[in-house]
Amino acid sequence: MHGSIGWVNGYRHQLDRFVTWSLPSPRSYLDWLAEMLDLTETQEATLDALGSPSRRQIVRLLAPGPLSVGEIASQLPISRPAVSKHLKVLERADLVTHRSEGNRNLFRLDPTGFEAARHWLDAFWDDALMRLAAAAGNTSSDGQVQGSP
């Protein structure tokens, strides 16, 4: 943990230069950030749902194929009712769907929510990398920002 914090602190000045020189003004940075964080309802629900370690584990369990609530619960340290609640959250986020087979429900992954989240992440990183490339183009070989005072 401390190594990560040290790394972030060690490169903070470079991040400050990137933000300063790749954007016309701090206001533009705030506008860009607000635009990047403007999520659709599906994107927000997907990211919120994946914020839980238990729900991420359920997603991992469903990756190979459909499972019932009992099959999922048998592989997790949580109760069957808790698994059902997590599955409802994942279903509302369009991450899983279910079909009834007799007296049990089989859950499987639904690509809809994952595609929505990926679309947002792709747009976010495409824009961030474009800005990084522009900032790198404004930096000389000795690390100084060109045109800086």
C-alpha atoms as a PDB file:
ATOM      1  CA  MET A   1       0.000   0.000   0.000  1.00  0.00           C
ATOM      2  CA  HIS A   2       2.743   2.453   0.946  1.00  0.00           C
ATOM      3  CA  GLY A   3       4.572   1.745  -2.312  1.00  0.00           C
ATOM      4  CA  SER A   4       1.519   2.807  -4.288  1.00  0.00           C
ATOM      5  CA  ILE A   5       1.107   5.982  -2.277  1.00  0.00           C
ATOM      6  CA  GLY A   6       4.796   6.827  -2.695  1.00  0.00           C
ATOM      7  CA  TRP A   7       4.559   6.300  -6.424  1.00  0.00           C
ATOM      8  CA  VAL A   8       1.529   8.593  -6.660  1.00  0.00           C
ATOM      9  CA  ASN A   9       3.196  11.284  -4.553  1.00  0.00           C
ATOM     10  CA  GLY A  10       6.428  10.942  -6.554  1.00  0.00           C
ATOM     11  CA  TYR A  11       4.629  11.656  -9.816  1.00  0.00           C
ATOM     12  CA  ARG A  12       2.141  14.212  -8.537  1.00  0.00           C
ATOM     13  CA  HIS A  13       4.115  17.107 -10.065  1.00  0.00           C
ATOM     14  CA  GLN A  14       3.992  15.407 -13.477  1.00  0.00           C
ATOM     15  CA  LEU A  15       0.231  14.973 -13.156  1.00  0.00           C
ATOM     16  CA  ASP A  16      -0.086  18.648 -12.195  1.00  0.00           C
ATOM     17  CA  ARG A  17       1.887  19.621 -15.315  1.00  0.00           C
ATOM     18  CA  PHE A  18      -0.250  17.316 -17.451  1.00  0.00           C
ATOM     19  CA  VAL A  19      -3.461  18.869 -16.160  1.00  0.00           C
ATOM     20  CA  THR A  20      -2.067  22.398 -16.441  1.00  0.00           C
ATOM     21  CA  TRP A  21      -0.618  22.103 -19.941  1.00  0.00           C
ATOM     22  CA  SER A  22      -3.041  19.736 -21.630  1.00  0.00           C
ATOM     23  CA  LEU A  23      -6.107  21.823 -20.830  1.00  0.00           C
ATOM     24  CA  PRO A  24      -6.719  25.492 -21.504  1.00  0.00           C
ATOM     25  CA  SER A  25      -7.924  26.291 -17.982  1.00  0.00           C
ATOM     26  CA  PRO A  26      -8.897  24.690 -14.673  1.00  0.00           C
ATOM     27  CA  ARG A  27     -12.519  25.366 -15.611  1.00  0.00           C
ATOM     28  CA  SER A  28     -12.068  23.318 -18.779  1.00  0.00           C
ATOM     29  CA  TYR A  29     -10.666  20.490 -16.646  1.00  0.00           C
ATOM     30  CA  LEU A  30     -13.754  20.593 -14.428  1.00  0.00           C
ATOM     31  CA  ASP A  31     -16.012  20.609 -17.490  1.00  0.00           C
ATOM     32  CA  TRP A  32     -14.114  17.637 -18.948  1.00  0.00           C
ATOM     33  CA  LEU A  33     -14.302  15.739 -15.650  1.00  0.00           C
ATOM     34  CA  ALA A  34     -18.034  16.415 -15.300  1.00  0.00           C
ATOM     35  CA  GLU A  35     -18.598  15.203 -18.862  1.00  0.00           C
ATOM     36  CA  MET A  36     -16.550  12.046 -18.267  1.00  0.00           C
ATOM     37  CA  LEU A  37     -18.451  11.301 -15.052  1.00  0.00           C
ATOM     38  CA  ASP A  38     -21.847  11.818 -16.685  1.00  0.00           C
ATOM     39  CA  LEU A  39     -22.954   8.195 -16.678  1.00  0.00           C
ATOM     40  CA  THR A  40     -26.108   6.724 -18.110  1.00  0.00           C
ATOM     41  CA  GLU A  41     -28.395   4.988 -15.633  1.00  0.00           C
ATOM     42  CA  THR A  42     -27.183   1.582 -16.860  1.00  0.00           C
ATOM     43  CA  GLN A  43     -23.509   2.557 -16.631  1.00  0.00           C
ATOM     44  CA  GLU A  44     -23.932   3.892 -13.104  1.00  0.00           C
ATOM     45  CA  ALA A  45     -25.895   0.820 -11.983  1.00  0.00           C
ATOM     46  CA  THR A  46     -23.245  -1.462 -13.505  1.00  0.00           C
ATOM     47  CA  LEU A  47     -20.326   0.267 -11.796  1.00  0.00           C
ATOM     48  CA  ASP A  48     -22.208   0.425  -8.487  1.00  0.00           C
ATOM     49  CA  ALA A  49     -23.095  -3.271  -8.684  1.00  0.00           C
ATOM     50  CA  LEU A  50     -19.501  -4.256  -9.411  1.00  0.00           C
ATOM     51  CA  GLY A  51     -18.350  -2.255  -6.384  1.00  0.00           C
ATOM     52  CA  SER A  52     -19.223  -5.179  -4.102  1.00  0.00           C
ATOM     53  CA  PRO A  53     -16.640  -7.973  -3.725  1.00  0.00           C
ATOM     54  CA  SER A  54     -19.451 -10.524  -3.280  1.00  0.00           C
ATOM     55  CA  ARG A  55     -21.125  -9.451  -6.527  1.00  0.00           C
ATOM     56  CA  ARG A  56     -17.800  -9.516  -8.387  1.00  0.00           C
ATOM     57  CA  GLN A  57     -17.301 -13.083  -7.111  1.00  0.00           C
ATOM     58  CA  ILE A  58     -20.782 -14.027  -8.342  1.00  0.00           C
ATOM     59  CA  VAL A  59     -19.898 -12.606 -11.767  1.00  0.00           C
ATOM     60  CA  ARG A  60     -16.701 -14.719 -11.778  1.00  0.00           C
ATOM     61  CA  LEU A  61     -18.717 -17.827 -10.879  1.00  0.00           C
ATOM     62  CA  LEU A  62     -21.195 -17.169 -13.700  1.00  0.00           C
ATOM     63  CA  ALA A  63     -18.507 -16.603 -16.331  1.00  0.00           C
ATOM     64  CA  PRO A  64     -18.281 -20.299 -17.355  1.00  0.00           C
ATOM     65  CA  GLY A  65     -22.058 -20.681 -17.619  1.00  0.00           C
ATOM     66  CA  PRO A  66     -25.476 -20.548 -15.924  1.00  0.00           C
ATOM     67  CA  LEU A  67     -25.856 -21.505 -12.251  1.00  0.00           C
ATOM     68  CA  SER A  68     -28.724 -21.706  -9.791  1.00  0.00           C
ATOM     69  CA  VAL A  69     -28.847 -19.674  -6.582  1.00  0.00           C
ATOM     70  CA  GLY A  70     -28.004 -22.816  -4.597  1.00  0.00           C
ATOM     71  CA  GLU A  71     -24.990 -23.594  -6.795  1.00  0.00           C
ATOM     72  CA  ILE A  72     -23.706 -20.039  -6.370  1.00  0.00           C
ATOM     73  CA  ALA A  73     -24.349 -20.004  -2.610  1.00  0.00           C
ATOM     74  CA  SER A  74     -22.499 -23.307  -2.150  1.00  0.00           C
ATOM     75  CA  GLN A  75     -19.320 -21.639  -3.426  1.00  0.00           C
ATOM     76  CA  LEU A  76     -19.541 -18.456  -1.341  1.00  0.00           C
ATOM     77  CA  PRO A  77     -19.306 -17.709   2.400  1.00  0.00           C
ATOM     78  CA  ILE A  78     -22.707 -15.976   2.365  1.00  0.00           C
ATOM     79  CA  SER A  79     -26.241 -17.244   2.793  1.00  0.00           C
ATOM     80  CA  ARG A  80     -28.592 -18.191   0.005  1.00  0.00           C
ATOM     81  CA  PRO A  81     -30.885 -15.188   0.736  1.00  0.00           C
ATOM     82  CA  ALA A  82     -27.845 -12.889   0.544  1.00  0.00           C
ATOM     83  CA  VAL A  83     -26.901 -14.399  -2.834  1.00  0.00           C
ATOM     84  CA  SER A  84     -30.464 -13.784  -4.036  1.00  0.00           C
ATOM     85  CA  LYS A  85     -30.241 -10.124  -2.999  1.00  0.00           C
ATOM     86  CA  HIS A  86     -26.904  -9.721  -4.790  1.00  0.00           C
ATOM     87  CA  LEU A  87     -28.358 -11.357  -7.902  1.00  0.00           C
ATOM     88  CA  LYS A  88     -31.266  -8.878  -7.870  1.00  0.00           C
ATOM     89  CA  VAL A  89     -28.778  -5.979  -7.808  1.00  0.00           C
ATOM     90  CA  LEU A  90     -26.798  -7.549 -10.660  1.00  0.00           C
ATOM     91  CA  GLU A  91     -30.001  -8.116 -12.631  1.00  0.00           C
ATOM     92  CA  ARG A  92     -31.149  -4.490 -12.169  1.00  0.00           C
ATOM     93  CA  ALA A  93     -27.719  -3.444 -13.489  1.00  0.00           C
ATOM     94  CA  ASP A  94     -28.199  -5.629 -16.594  1.00  0.00           C
ATOM     95  CA  LEU A  95     -25.230  -7.791 -15.594  1.00  0.00           C
ATOM     96  CA  VAL A  96     -27.177 -11.051 -15.189  1.00  0.00           C
ATOM     97  CA  THR A  97     -30.426 -12.511 -16.451  1.00  0.00           C
ATOM     98  CA  HIS A  98     -32.308 -15.583 -15.356  1.00  0.00           C
ATOM     99  CA  ARG A  99     -34.633 -18.181 -16.758  1.00  0.00           C
ATOM    100  CA  SER A 100     -36.871 -20.534 -14.840  1.00  0.00           C
ATOM    101  CA  GLU A 101     -36.297 -24.254 -15.162  1.00  0.00           C
ATOM    102  CA  GLY A 102     -38.823 -26.167 -13.123  1.00  0.00           C
ATOM    103  CA  ASN A 103     -38.717 -24.854  -9.573  1.00  0.00           C
ATOM    104  CA  ARG A 104     -35.342 -23.127  -9.837  1.00  0.00           C
ATOM    105  CA  ASN A 105     -33.907 -20.106 -11.578  1.00  0.00           C
ATOM    106  CA  LEU A 106     -30.721 -20.321 -13.603  1.00  0.00           C
ATOM    107  CA  PHE A 107     -28.672 -17.138 -13.740  1.00  0.00           C
ATOM    108  CA  ARG A 108     -26.241 -16.235 -16.498  1.00  0.00           C
ATOM    109  CA  LEU A 109     -24.207 -13.179 -17.427  1.00  0.00           C
ATOM    110  CA  ASP A 110     -25.908 -10.534 -19.566  1.00  0.00           C
ATOM    111  CA  PRO A 111     -23.561  -8.589 -21.870  1.00  0.00           C
ATOM    112  CA  THR A 112     -25.806  -5.475 -21.843  1.00  0.00           C
ATOM    113  CA  GLY A 113     -24.454  -3.983 -18.610  1.00  0.00           C
ATOM    114  CA  PHE A 114     -20.865  -4.902 -19.402  1.00  0.00           C
ATOM    115  CA  GLU A 115     -21.116  -3.262 -22.826  1.00  0.00           C
ATOM    116  CA  ALA A 116     -22.492  -0.059 -21.283  1.00  0.00           C
ATOM    117  CA  ALA A 117     -19.653   0.101 -18.756  1.00  0.00           C
ATOM    118  CA  ARG A 118     -17.062  -0.693 -21.400  1.00  0.00           C
ATOM    119  CA  HIS A 119     -18.412   2.051 -23.664  1.00  0.00           C
ATOM    120  CA  TRP A 120     -17.983   4.594 -20.849  1.00  0.00           C
ATOM    121  CA  LEU A 121     -14.499   3.314 -19.905  1.00  0.00           C
ATOM    122  CA  ASP A 122     -13.363   3.328 -23.544  1.00  0.00           C
ATOM    123  CA  ALA A 123     -14.539   6.927 -24.003  1.00  0.00           C
ATOM    124  CA  PHE A 124     -12.912   7.988 -20.731  1.00  0.00           C
ATOM    125  CA  TRP A 125      -9.524   6.415 -21.540  1.00  0.00           C
ATOM    126  CA  ASP A 126      -9.535   7.416 -25.209  1.00  0.00           C
ATOM    127  CA  ASP A 127      -9.954  11.041 -24.165  1.00  0.00           C
ATOM    128  CA  ALA A 128      -7.394  10.763 -21.335  1.00  0.00           C
ATOM    129  CA  LEU A 129      -4.810   9.160 -23.643  1.00  0.00           C
ATOM    130  CA  MET A 130      -5.412  11.814 -26.302  1.00  0.00           C
ATOM    131  CA  ARG A 131      -4.760  14.509 -23.697  1.00  0.00           C
ATOM    132  CA  LEU A 132      -1.655  12.668 -22.476  1.00  0.00           C
ATOM    133  CA  ALA A 133      -0.322  12.486 -26.034  1.00  0.00           C
ATOM    134  CA  ALA A 134      -0.936  16.214 -26.449  1.00  0.00           C
ATOM    135  CA  ALA A 135       0.860  16.910 -23.169  1.00  0.00           C
ATOM    136  CA  ALA A 136       3.763  14.653 -24.181  1.00  0.00           C
ATOM    137  CA  GLY A 137       4.032  16.587 -27.434  1.00  0.00           C
ATOM    138  CA  ASN A 138       4.484  19.756 -25.351  1.00  0.00           C
ATOM    139  CA  THR A 139       7.377  18.267 -23.345  1.00  0.00           C
ATOM    140  CA  SER A 140      11.028  18.525 -24.405  1.00  0.00           C
ATOM    141  CA  SER A 141      13.500  15.642 -24.063  1.00  0.00           C
ATOM    142  CA  ASP A 142      14.748  17.059 -20.733  1.00  0.00           C
ATOM    143  CA  GLY A 143      11.236  16.831 -19.237  1.00  0.00           C
ATOM    144  CA  GLN A 144      10.449  20.555 -19.349  1.00  0.00           C
ATOM    145  CA  VAL A 145       7.057  21.651 -20.615  1.00  0.00           C
ATOM    146  CA  GLN A 146       7.521  23.704 -23.750  1.00  0.00           C
ATOM    147  CA  GLY A 147       6.095  27.168 -23.520  1.00  0.00           C
ATOM    148  CA  SER A 148       6.057  27.080 -19.705  1.00  0.00           C
ATOM    149  CA  PRO A 149       7.221  30.134 -17.801  1.00  0.00           C
END
